[in-house]
């Protein structure tokens, strides 16, 4: 299976990551990890991990506080 997300790009960004999902206005979730071959992520919800589809992410903030458009994370 080929990667659907750009692992080299994700690994080049400072961690930890925070993600805001569709329907969340001001809620940012800590991202535990990304699955690059199956575009998913695990987020920390009150100390427990919850799986989410990557396509539901509206914005990502890296460890330096820089916002990223998740559309740029996909392999072309």
PDB file of N, CA and C in Angstrom:
ATOM      1  N   UNK A   1       0.846  -1.176   0.000  1.00  0.00           N
ATOM      2  CA  UNK A   1       0.000   0.000   0.000  1.00  0.00           C
ATOM      3  C   UNK A   1       0.890   1.237   0.000  1.00  0.00           C
ATOM      4  N   UNK A   2       0.558   2.225  -0.781  1.00  0.00           N
ATOM      5  CA  UNK A   2       1.349   3.447  -0.836  1.00  0.00           C
ATOM      6  C   UNK A   2       0.823   4.456   0.176  1.00  0.00           C
ATOM      7  N   UNK A   3       1.709   5.339   0.573  1.00  0.00           N
ATOM      8  CA  UNK A   3       1.321   6.382   1.516  1.00  0.00           C
ATOM      9  C   UNK A   3       0.390   7.387   0.843  1.00  0.00           C
ATOM     10  N   UNK A   4      -0.598   7.821   1.583  1.00  0.00           N
ATOM     11  CA  UNK A   4      -1.522   8.838   1.095  1.00  0.00           C
ATOM     12  C   UNK A   4      -1.203  10.211   1.680  1.00  0.00           C
ATOM     13  N   UNK A   5      -0.500  10.227   2.810  1.00  0.00           N
ATOM     14  CA  UNK A   5      -0.059  11.478   3.411  1.00  0.00           C
ATOM     15  C   UNK A   5       1.461  11.573   3.306  1.00  0.00           C
ATOM     16  N   UNK A   6       1.974  12.789   3.237  1.00  0.00           N
ATOM     17  CA  UNK A   6       3.405  13.043   3.035  1.00  0.00           C
ATOM     18  C   UNK A   6       4.180  12.880   4.346  1.00  0.00           C
ATOM     19  N   UNK A   7       4.667  11.669   4.581  1.00  0.00           N
ATOM     20  CA  UNK A   7       5.365  11.364   5.818  1.00  0.00           C
ATOM     21  C   UNK A   7       6.591  12.259   6.004  1.00  0.00           C
ATOM     22  N   UNK A   8       7.361  12.504   4.943  1.00  0.00           N
ATOM     23  CA  UNK A   8       8.554  13.338   5.065  1.00  0.00           C
ATOM     24  C   UNK A   8       8.188  14.754   5.493  1.00  0.00           C
ATOM     25  N   UNK A   9       7.097  15.285   4.972  1.00  0.00           N
ATOM     26  CA  UNK A   9       6.638  16.633   5.330  1.00  0.00           C
ATOM     27  C   UNK A   9       6.183  16.663   6.788  1.00  0.00           C
ATOM     28  N   UNK A  10       5.379  15.677   7.180  1.00  0.00           N
ATOM     29  CA  UNK A  10       4.881  15.611   8.561  1.00  0.00           C
ATOM     30  C   UNK A  10       6.050  15.509   9.532  1.00  0.00           C
ATOM     31  N   UNK A  11       7.028  14.666   9.228  1.00  0.00           N
ATOM     32  CA  UNK A  11       8.184  14.485  10.116  1.00  0.00           C
ATOM     33  C   UNK A  11       9.085  15.710  10.162  1.00  0.00           C
ATOM     34  N   UNK A  12       9.014  16.580   9.156  1.00  0.00           N
ATOM     35  CA  UNK A  12       9.859  17.777   9.139  1.00  0.00           C
ATOM     36  C   UNK A  12       9.295  18.903  10.000  1.00  0.00           C
ATOM     37  N   UNK A  13       8.048  18.790  10.419  1.00  0.00           N
ATOM     38  CA  UNK A  13       7.412  19.840  11.204  1.00  0.00           C
ATOM     39  C   UNK A  13       7.640  19.613  12.694  1.00  0.00           C
ATOM     40  N   UNK A  14       7.742  20.723  13.453  1.00  0.00           N
ATOM     41  CA  UNK A  14       7.926  20.571  14.899  1.00  0.00           C
ATOM     42  C   UNK A  14       6.652  20.044  15.564  1.00  0.00           C
ATOM     43  N   UNK A  15       6.849  19.150  16.504  1.00  0.00           N
ATOM     44  CA  UNK A  15       5.718  18.575  17.229  1.00  0.00           C
ATOM     45  C   UNK A  15       5.673  19.178  18.623  1.00  0.00           C
ATOM     46  N   UNK A  16       4.601  19.080  19.337  1.00  0.00           N
ATOM     47  CA  UNK A  16       3.377  18.321  19.092  1.00  0.00           C
ATOM     48  C   UNK A  16       2.424  19.076  18.165  1.00  0.00           C
ATOM     49  N   UNK A  17       1.473  18.318  17.608  1.00  0.00           N
ATOM     50  CA  UNK A  17       0.464  18.888  16.718  1.00  0.00           C
ATOM     51  C   UNK A  17      -0.868  19.024  17.452  1.00  0.00           C
ATOM     52  N   UNK A  18      -1.611  20.045  17.060  1.00  0.00           N
ATOM     53  CA  UNK A  18      -2.999  20.211  17.490  1.00  0.00           C
ATOM     54  C   UNK A  18      -3.844  20.257  16.236  1.00  0.00           C
ATOM     55  N   UNK A  19      -5.040  19.692  16.288  1.00  0.00           N
ATOM     56  CA  UNK A  19      -5.927  19.676  15.118  1.00  0.00           C
ATOM     57  C   UNK A  19      -7.306  20.201  15.503  1.00  0.00           C
ATOM     58  N   UNK A  20      -7.900  20.932  14.561  1.00  0.00           N
ATOM     59  CA  UNK A  20      -9.281  21.393  14.699  1.00  0.00           C
ATOM     60  C   UNK A  20     -10.091  20.687  13.627  1.00  0.00           C
ATOM     61  N   UNK A  21     -11.208  20.102  14.030  1.00  0.00           N
ATOM     62  CA  UNK A  21     -12.022  19.302  13.120  1.00  0.00           C
ATOM     63  C   UNK A  21     -13.277  20.048  12.696  1.00  0.00           C
ATOM     64  N   UNK A  22     -13.873  19.565  11.603  1.00  0.00           N
ATOM     65  CA  UNK A  22     -15.151  20.109  11.151  1.00  0.00           C
ATOM     66  C   UNK A  22     -16.139  20.124  12.302  1.00  0.00           C
ATOM     67  N   UNK A  23     -16.842  21.223  12.456  1.00  0.00           N
ATOM     68  CA  UNK A  23     -17.833  21.343  13.513  1.00  0.00           C
ATOM     69  C   UNK A  23     -17.280  21.920  14.802  1.00  0.00           C
ATOM     70  N   UNK A  24     -15.945  21.929  14.947  1.00  0.00           N
ATOM     71  CA  UNK A  24     -15.314  22.543  16.128  1.00  0.00           C
ATOM     72  C   UNK A  24     -14.982  23.987  15.802  1.00  0.00           C
ATOM     73  N   UNK A  25     -15.448  24.909  16.633  1.00  0.00           N
ATOM     74  CA  UNK A  25     -15.137  26.317  16.382  1.00  0.00           C
ATOM     75  C   UNK A  25     -13.810  26.706  17.017  1.00  0.00           C
ATOM     76  N   UNK A  26     -13.682  26.468  18.296  1.00  0.00           N
ATOM     77  CA  UNK A  26     -12.473  26.879  19.008  1.00  0.00           C
ATOM     78  C   UNK A  26     -11.803  25.725  19.744  1.00  0.00           C
ATOM     79  N   UNK A  27     -12.151  24.500  19.415  1.00  0.00           N
ATOM     80  CA  UNK A  27     -11.580  23.347  20.103  1.00  0.00           C
ATOM     81  C   UNK A  27     -10.430  22.767  19.287  1.00  0.00           C
ATOM     82  N   UNK A  28      -9.276  22.693  19.927  1.00  0.00           N
ATOM     83  CA  UNK A  28      -8.086  22.107  19.309  1.00  0.00           C
ATOM     84  C   UNK A  28      -7.734  20.844  20.079  1.00  0.00           C
ATOM     85  N   UNK A  29      -7.534  19.739  19.359  1.00  0.00           N
ATOM     86  CA  UNK A  29      -7.266  18.441  19.968  1.00  0.00           C
ATOM     87  C   UNK A  29      -5.799  18.070  19.791  1.00  0.00           C
ATOM     88  N   UNK A  30      -5.138  17.596  20.858  1.00  0.00           N
ATOM     89  CA  UNK A  30      -3.762  17.104  20.719  1.00  0.00           C
ATOM     90  C   UNK A  30      -3.738  15.847  19.850  1.00  0.00           C
ATOM     91  N   UNK A  31      -2.834  15.838  18.876  1.00  0.00           N
ATOM     92  CA  UNK A  31      -2.699  14.688  17.974  1.00  0.00           C
ATOM     93  C   UNK A  31      -1.598  13.784  18.515  1.00  0.00           C
ATOM     94  N   UNK A  32      -1.935  12.526  18.702  1.00  0.00           N
ATOM     95  CA  UNK A  32      -0.962  11.537  19.181  1.00  0.00           C
ATOM     96  C   UNK A  32      -0.111  11.033  18.019  1.00  0.00           C
ATOM     97  N   UNK A  33      -0.758  10.710  16.884  1.00  0.00           N
ATOM     98  CA  UNK A  33      -0.019  10.237  15.714  1.00  0.00           C
ATOM     99  C   UNK A  33      -0.912  10.286  14.474  1.00  0.00           C
ATOM    100  N   UNK A  34      -0.252  10.201  13.319  1.00  0.00           N
ATOM    101  CA  UNK A  34      -0.936  10.143  12.027  1.00  0.00           C
ATOM    102  C   UNK A  34      -0.658   8.794  11.383  1.00  0.00           C
ATOM    103  N   UNK A  35      -1.628   8.266  10.670  1.00  0.00           N
ATOM    104  CA  UNK A  35      -1.433   7.092   9.829  1.00  0.00           C
ATOM    105  C   UNK A  35      -1.308   7.578   8.400  1.00  0.00           C
ATOM    106  N   UNK A  36      -0.147   7.391   7.791  1.00  0.00           N
ATOM    107  CA  UNK A  36       0.068   7.957   6.461  1.00  0.00           C
ATOM    108  C   UNK A  36      -0.421   7.047   5.339  1.00  0.00           C
ATOM    109  N   UNK A  37      -0.506   5.734   5.581  1.00  0.00           N
ATOM    110  CA  UNK A  37      -0.979   4.834   4.529  1.00  0.00           C
ATOM    111  C   UNK A  37      -2.496   4.680   4.564  1.00  0.00           C
ATOM    112  N   UNK A  38      -3.089   4.909   5.709  1.00  0.00           N
ATOM    113  CA  UNK A  38      -4.548   4.998   5.853  1.00  0.00           C
ATOM    114  C   UNK A  38      -4.760   6.358   6.514  1.00  0.00           C
ATOM    115  N   UNK A  39      -5.225   7.350   5.785  1.00  0.00           N
ATOM    116  CA  UNK A  39      -5.217   8.725   6.295  1.00  0.00           C
ATOM    117  C   UNK A  39      -6.121   8.925   7.514  1.00  0.00           C
ATOM    118  N   UNK A  40      -5.537   8.622   8.668  1.00  0.00           N
ATOM    119  CA  UNK A  40      -6.243   8.757   9.942  1.00  0.00           C
ATOM    120  C   UNK A  40      -5.293   9.411  10.943  1.00  0.00           C
ATOM    121  N   UNK A  41      -5.834   9.775  12.088  1.00  0.00           N
ATOM    122  CA  UNK A  41      -5.007  10.253  13.179  1.00  0.00           C
ATOM    123  C   UNK A  41      -5.638   9.794  14.489  1.00  0.00           C
ATOM    124  N   UNK A  42      -4.809   9.740  15.512  1.00  0.00           N
ATOM    125  CA  UNK A  42      -5.298   9.470  16.854  1.00  0.00           C
ATOM    126  C   UNK A  42      -5.176  10.756  17.645  1.00  0.00           C
ATOM    127  N   UNK A  43      -6.270  11.163  18.291  1.00  0.00           N
ATOM    128  CA  UNK A  43      -6.250  12.368  19.104  1.00  0.00           C
ATOM    129  C   UNK A  43      -6.458  11.996  20.567  1.00  0.00           C
ATOM    130  N   UNK A  44      -5.956  12.849  21.426  1.00  0.00           N
ATOM    131  CA  UNK A  44      -6.091  12.655  22.869  1.00  0.00           C
ATOM    132  C   UNK A  44      -7.382  13.332  23.321  1.00  0.00           C
ATOM    133  N   UNK A  45      -8.327  12.527  23.791  1.00  0.00           N
ATOM    134  CA  UNK A  45      -9.589  13.038  24.317  1.00  0.00           C
ATOM    135  C   UNK A  45      -9.643  12.654  25.791  1.00  0.00           C
ATOM    136  N   UNK A  46      -9.335  13.611  26.646  1.00  0.00           N
ATOM    137  CA  UNK A  46      -9.360  13.384  28.100  1.00  0.00           C
ATOM    138  C   UNK A  46      -8.507  12.184  28.520  1.00  0.00           C
ATOM    139  N   UNK A  47      -7.326  12.043  27.891  1.00  0.00           N
ATOM    140  CA  UNK A  47      -6.413  10.973  28.267  1.00  0.00           C
ATOM    141  C   UNK A  47      -6.623   9.656  27.544  1.00  0.00           C
ATOM    142  N   UNK A  48      -7.642   9.567  26.711  1.00  0.00           N
ATOM    143  CA  UNK A  48      -7.879   8.350  25.919  1.00  0.00           C
ATOM    144  C   UNK A  48      -7.714   8.694  24.446  1.00  0.00           C
ATOM    145  N   UNK A  49      -7.231   7.731  23.665  1.00  0.00           N
ATOM    146  CA  UNK A  49      -7.023   7.964  22.239  1.00  0.00           C
ATOM    147  C   UNK A  49      -8.287   7.645  21.454  1.00  0.00           C
ATOM    148  N   UNK A  50      -8.598   8.530  20.525  1.00  0.00           N
ATOM    149  CA  UNK A  50      -9.756   8.342  19.654  1.00  0.00           C
ATOM    150  C   UNK A  50      -9.299   8.492  18.205  1.00  0.00           C
ATOM    151  N   UNK A  51      -9.701   7.559  17.365  1.00  0.00           N
ATOM    152  CA  UNK A  51      -9.363   7.610  15.949  1.00  0.00           C
ATOM    153  C   UNK A  51     -10.279   8.558  15.202  1.00  0.00           C
ATOM    154  N   UNK A  52      -9.676   9.333  14.290  1.00  0.00           N
ATOM    155  CA  UNK A  52     -10.435  10.264  13.445  1.00  0.00           C
ATOM    156  C   UNK A  52      -9.899  10.165  12.025  1.00  0.00           C
ATOM    157  N   UNK A  53     -10.770  10.424  11.059  1.00  0.00           N
ATOM    158  CA  UNK A  53     -10.319  10.462   9.661  1.00  0.00           C
ATOM    159  C   UNK A  53      -9.597  11.780   9.388  1.00  0.00           C
ATOM    160  N   UNK A  54      -8.489  11.700   8.661  1.00  0.00           N
ATOM    161  CA  UNK A  54      -7.692  12.887   8.367  1.00  0.00           C
ATOM    162  C   UNK A  54      -8.500  13.917   7.583  1.00  0.00           C
ATOM    163  N   UNK A  55      -9.388  13.468   6.726  1.00  0.00           N
ATOM    164  CA  UNK A  55     -10.158  14.391   5.890  1.00  0.00           C
ATOM    165  C   UNK A  55     -11.113  15.270   6.698  1.00  0.00           C
ATOM    166  N   UNK A  56     -11.329  14.955   7.969  1.00  0.00           N
ATOM    167  CA  UNK A  56     -12.185  15.771   8.830  1.00  0.00           C
ATOM    168  C   UNK A  56     -11.445  16.952   9.457  1.00  0.00           C
ATOM    169  N   UNK A  57     -10.115  16.990   9.319  1.00  0.00           N
ATOM    170  CA  UNK A  57      -9.315  18.062   9.914  1.00  0.00           C
ATOM    171  C   UNK A  57      -9.457  19.330   9.086  1.00  0.00           C
ATOM    172  N   UNK A  58      -9.738  20.436   9.765  1.00  0.00           N
ATOM    173  CA  UNK A  58      -9.854  21.738   9.107  1.00  0.00           C
ATOM    174  C   UNK A  58      -8.540  22.517   9.164  1.00  0.00           C
ATOM    175  N   UNK A  59      -7.830  22.421  10.291  1.00  0.00           N
ATOM    176  CA  UNK A  59      -6.556  23.111  10.466  1.00  0.00           C
ATOM    177  C   UNK A  59      -5.676  22.297  11.402  1.00  0.00           C
ATOM    178  N   UNK A  60      -4.361  22.478  11.231  1.00  0.00           N
ATOM    179  CA  UNK A  60      -3.380  21.843  12.107  1.00  0.00           C
ATOM    180  C   UNK A  60      -2.413  22.922  12.575  1.00  0.00           C
ATOM    181  N   UNK A  61      -2.072  22.887  13.850  1.00  0.00           N
ATOM    182  CA  UNK A  61      -1.053  23.782  14.396  1.00  0.00           C
ATOM    183  C   UNK A  61       0.128  22.918  14.810  1.00  0.00           C
ATOM    184  N   UNK A  62       1.337  23.337  14.370  1.00  0.00           N
ATOM    185  CA  UNK A  62       2.524  22.572  14.752  1.00  0.00           C
ATOM    186  C   UNK A  62       3.072  23.067  16.089  1.00  0.00           C
ATOM    187  N   UNK A  63       4.164  22.492  16.529  1.00  0.00           N
ATOM    188  CA  UNK A  63       4.755  22.807  17.824  1.00  0.00           C
ATOM    189  C   UNK A  63       5.252  24.235  17.955  1.00  0.00           C
ATOM    190  N   UNK A  64       5.472  24.924  16.828  1.00  0.00           N
ATOM    191  CA  UNK A  64       5.887  26.333  16.856  1.00  0.00           C
ATOM    192  C   UNK A  64       4.698  27.283  16.792  1.00  0.00           C
ATOM    193  N   UNK A  65       3.483  26.736  16.746  1.00  0.00           N
ATOM    194  CA  UNK A  65       2.287  27.577  16.680  1.00  0.00           C
ATOM    195  C   UNK A  65       1.902  28.015  15.283  1.00  0.00           C
ATOM    196  N   UNK A  66       2.521  27.421  14.265  1.00  0.00           N
ATOM    197  CA  UNK A  66       2.219  27.760  12.873  1.00  0.00           C
ATOM    198  C   UNK A  66       1.034  26.926  12.403  1.00  0.00           C
ATOM    199  N   UNK A  67       0.035  27.592  11.804  1.00  0.00           N
ATOM    200  CA  UNK A  67      -1.129  26.881  11.281  1.00  0.00           C
ATOM    201  C   UNK A  67      -0.822  26.333   9.888  1.00  0.00           C
ATOM    202  N   UNK A  68      -1.343  25.126   9.633  1.00  0.00           N
ATOM    203  CA  UNK A  68      -1.134  24.463   8.348  1.00  0.00           C
ATOM    204  C   UNK A  68      -2.476  24.036   7.769  1.00  0.00           C
ATOM    205  N   UNK A  69      -2.571  24.125   6.453  1.00  0.00           N
ATOM    206  CA  UNK A  69      -3.736  23.622   5.730  1.00  0.00           C
ATOM    207  C   UNK A  69      -3.536  22.124   5.509  1.00  0.00           C
ATOM    208  N   UNK A  70      -4.412  21.282   6.027  1.00  0.00           N
ATOM    209  CA  UNK A  70      -4.219  19.838   5.874  1.00  0.00           C
ATOM    210  C   UNK A  70      -4.251  19.363   4.418  1.00  0.00           C
ATOM    211  N   UNK A  71      -4.823  20.154   3.513  1.00  0.00           N
ATOM    212  CA  UNK A  71      -4.830  19.774   2.097  1.00  0.00           C
ATOM    213  C   UNK A  71      -3.421  19.652   1.530  1.00  0.00           C
ATOM    214  N   UNK A  72      -2.461  20.366   2.124  1.00  0.00           N
ATOM    215  CA  UNK A  72      -1.074  20.317   1.664  1.00  0.00           C
ATOM    216  C   UNK A  72      -0.338  19.069   2.144  1.00  0.00           C
ATOM    217  N   UNK A  73      -0.966  18.301   3.007  1.00  0.00           N
ATOM    218  CA  UNK A  73      -0.320  17.112   3.576  1.00  0.00           C
ATOM    219  C   UNK A  73      -0.525  15.871   2.726  1.00  0.00           C
ATOM    220  N   UNK A  74      -1.417  15.919   1.754  1.00  0.00           N
ATOM    221  CA  UNK A  74      -1.725  14.755   0.910  1.00  0.00           C
ATOM    222  C   UNK A  74      -0.642  14.553  -0.143  1.00  0.00           C
ATOM    223  N   UNK A  75      -0.332  13.301  -0.470  1.00  0.00           N
ATOM    224  CA  UNK A  75       0.546  12.970  -1.584  1.00  0.00           C
ATOM    225  C   UNK A  75      -0.216  13.306  -2.865  1.00  0.00           C
ATOM    226  N   UNK A  76       0.470  13.917  -3.807  1.00  0.00           N
ATOM    227  CA  UNK A  76      -0.207  14.307  -5.060  1.00  0.00           C
ATOM    228  C   UNK A  76      -0.298  13.163  -6.017  1.00  0.00           C
TER     229      UNK A  76
END
